[in-house]
Amino acid sequence: MTARSAIYGIGLLPVLRMEVADPARLEAFIGRIEARMAAPIPRGQVNGQAYWLLGPEDAPVRGVMALADGHLVLSLLPI
């Protein structure tokens, strides 16, 4: 395993960024998870960057996950 990763913060929000060998394969895996859940994971888009929202809709903080430039990016988003 030679993938690189980083944990850093943007303000007070933690960010985990990891290299992904095959982003299309990861997207397919997420699609299989959605199929088993029988519901899509909520999605959004900012400046052309797609992302998934994780966690309950009424939570004060939700997870956000995106595939960006061959990286999986995970963070928290205060609602």
C-alpha atoms as a PDB file:
ATOM      1  CA  MET A   1       0.000   0.000   0.000  1.00  0.00           C
ATOM      2  CA  THR A   2       1.535   3.225  -1.144  1.00  0.00           C
ATOM      3  CA  ALA A   3      -1.498   5.479  -0.921  1.00  0.00           C
ATOM      4  CA  ARG A   4      -0.890   8.784   0.771  1.00  0.00           C
ATOM      5  CA  SER A   5      -3.274  10.465   3.164  1.00  0.00           C
ATOM      6  CA  ALA A   6      -3.459  13.643   5.207  1.00  0.00           C
ATOM      7  CA  ILE A   7      -5.476  14.882   8.140  1.00  0.00           C
ATOM      8  CA  TYR A   8      -5.756  18.641   8.483  1.00  0.00           C
ATOM      9  CA  GLY A   9      -8.228  21.311   9.472  1.00  0.00           C
ATOM     10  CA  ILE A  10     -10.040  24.069   7.684  1.00  0.00           C
ATOM     11  CA  GLY A  11     -10.803  26.402  10.533  1.00  0.00           C
ATOM     12  CA  LEU A  12     -12.160  24.127  13.256  1.00  0.00           C
ATOM     13  CA  LEU A  13     -13.385  21.472  10.806  1.00  0.00           C
ATOM     14  CA  PRO A  14     -11.279  18.306  10.454  1.00  0.00           C
ATOM     15  CA  VAL A  15     -10.544  16.979   6.966  1.00  0.00           C
ATOM     16  CA  LEU A  16      -9.281  13.523   5.972  1.00  0.00           C
ATOM     17  CA  ARG A  17      -7.921  13.250   2.427  1.00  0.00           C
ATOM     18  CA  MET A  18      -6.776   9.917   0.964  1.00  0.00           C
ATOM     19  CA  GLU A  19      -5.521   8.898  -2.463  1.00  0.00           C
ATOM     20  CA  VAL A  20      -7.839   6.547  -4.354  1.00  0.00           C
ATOM     21  CA  ALA A  21      -6.363   4.182  -6.947  1.00  0.00           C
ATOM     22  CA  ASP A  22      -9.608   3.890  -8.948  1.00  0.00           C
ATOM     23  CA  PRO A  23     -12.247   6.595  -8.279  1.00  0.00           C
ATOM     24  CA  ALA A  24     -14.752   4.921 -10.641  1.00  0.00           C
ATOM     25  CA  ARG A  25     -14.532   1.713  -8.627  1.00  0.00           C
ATOM     26  CA  LEU A  26     -15.182   3.628  -5.387  1.00  0.00           C
ATOM     27  CA  GLU A  27     -18.215   5.323  -6.964  1.00  0.00           C
ATOM     28  CA  ALA A  28     -19.511   1.906  -8.025  1.00  0.00           C
ATOM     29  CA  PHE A  29     -19.064   0.663  -4.448  1.00  0.00           C
ATOM     30  CA  ILE A  30     -21.063   3.636  -3.144  1.00  0.00           C
ATOM     31  CA  GLY A  31     -23.744   2.810  -5.728  1.00  0.00           C
ATOM     32  CA  ARG A  32     -23.960  -0.753  -4.367  1.00  0.00           C
ATOM     33  CA  ILE A  33     -24.337   0.621  -0.837  1.00  0.00           C
ATOM     34  CA  GLU A  34     -27.169   2.867  -2.031  1.00  0.00           C
ATOM     35  CA  ALA A  35     -28.847  -0.102  -3.730  1.00  0.00           C
ATOM     36  CA  ARG A  36     -28.761  -2.124  -0.499  1.00  0.00           C
ATOM     37  CA  MET A  37     -30.120   0.862   1.436  1.00  0.00           C
ATOM     38  CA  ALA A  38     -32.896   1.176  -1.179  1.00  0.00           C
ATOM     39  CA  ALA A  39     -32.348   4.944  -1.048  1.00  0.00           C
ATOM     40  CA  PRO A  40     -29.749   7.249  -2.545  1.00  0.00           C
ATOM     41  CA  ILE A  41     -27.244   9.014  -0.318  1.00  0.00           C
ATOM     42  CA  PRO A  42     -28.125  12.730  -0.492  1.00  0.00           C
ATOM     43  CA  ARG A  43     -25.908  14.589  -2.933  1.00  0.00           C
ATOM     44  CA  GLY A  44     -25.021  18.161  -3.614  1.00  0.00           C
ATOM     45  CA  GLN A  45     -22.691  20.225  -5.728  1.00  0.00           C
ATOM     46  CA  VAL A  46     -20.587  23.342  -5.130  1.00  0.00           C
ATOM     47  CA  ASN A  47     -18.683  25.040  -7.948  1.00  0.00           C
ATOM     48  CA  GLY A  48     -18.887  21.883 -10.055  1.00  0.00           C
ATOM     49  CA  GLN A  49     -17.651  19.598  -7.229  1.00  0.00           C
ATOM     50  CA  ALA A  50     -20.121  16.826  -6.365  1.00  0.00           C
ATOM     51  CA  TYR A  51     -20.381  15.532  -2.801  1.00  0.00           C
ATOM     52  CA  TRP A  52     -22.438  13.188  -0.605  1.00  0.00           C
ATOM     53  CA  LEU A  53     -24.017  14.202   2.719  1.00  0.00           C
ATOM     54  CA  LEU A  54     -23.800  11.600   5.482  1.00  0.00           C
ATOM     55  CA  GLY A  55     -25.848  11.295   8.656  1.00  0.00           C
ATOM     56  CA  PRO A  56     -29.350  12.266   9.749  1.00  0.00           C
ATOM     57  CA  GLU A  57     -30.900  15.337   8.151  1.00  0.00           C
ATOM     58  CA  ASP A  58     -31.777  16.863  11.528  1.00  0.00           C
ATOM     59  CA  ALA A  59     -28.266  16.494  12.995  1.00  0.00           C
ATOM     60  CA  PRO A  60     -26.452  19.749  13.869  1.00  0.00           C
ATOM     61  CA  VAL A  61     -23.300  18.403  12.155  1.00  0.00           C
ATOM     62  CA  ARG A  62     -23.222  16.096   9.138  1.00  0.00           C
ATOM     63  CA  GLY A  63     -20.472  14.271   7.362  1.00  0.00           C
ATOM     64  CA  VAL A  64     -19.547  15.260   3.845  1.00  0.00           C
ATOM     65  CA  MET A  65     -17.689  13.009   1.401  1.00  0.00           C
ATOM     66  CA  ALA A  66     -16.353  13.839  -2.053  1.00  0.00           C
ATOM     67  CA  LEU A  67     -14.118  12.434  -4.756  1.00  0.00           C
ATOM     68  CA  ALA A  68     -11.785  15.188  -5.902  1.00  0.00           C
ATOM     69  CA  ASP A  69      -8.765  14.817  -8.198  1.00  0.00           C
ATOM     70  CA  GLY A  70      -8.245  11.150  -7.356  1.00  0.00           C
ATOM     71  CA  HIS A  71      -8.742  11.670  -3.621  1.00  0.00           C
ATOM     72  CA  LEU A  72     -11.481  10.714  -1.195  1.00  0.00           C
ATOM     73  CA  VAL A  73     -12.170  13.725   1.021  1.00  0.00           C
ATOM     74  CA  LEU A  74     -14.133  13.380   4.272  1.00  0.00           C
ATOM     75  CA  SER A  75     -15.085  16.211   6.602  1.00  0.00           C
ATOM     76  CA  LEU A  76     -17.790  17.565   8.872  1.00  0.00           C
ATOM     77  CA  LEU A  77     -20.301  20.221   7.921  1.00  0.00           C
ATOM     78  CA  PRO A  78     -22.211  22.250  10.509  1.00  0.00           C
ATOM     79  CA  ILE A  79     -25.812  22.679   9.385  1.00  0.00           C
END
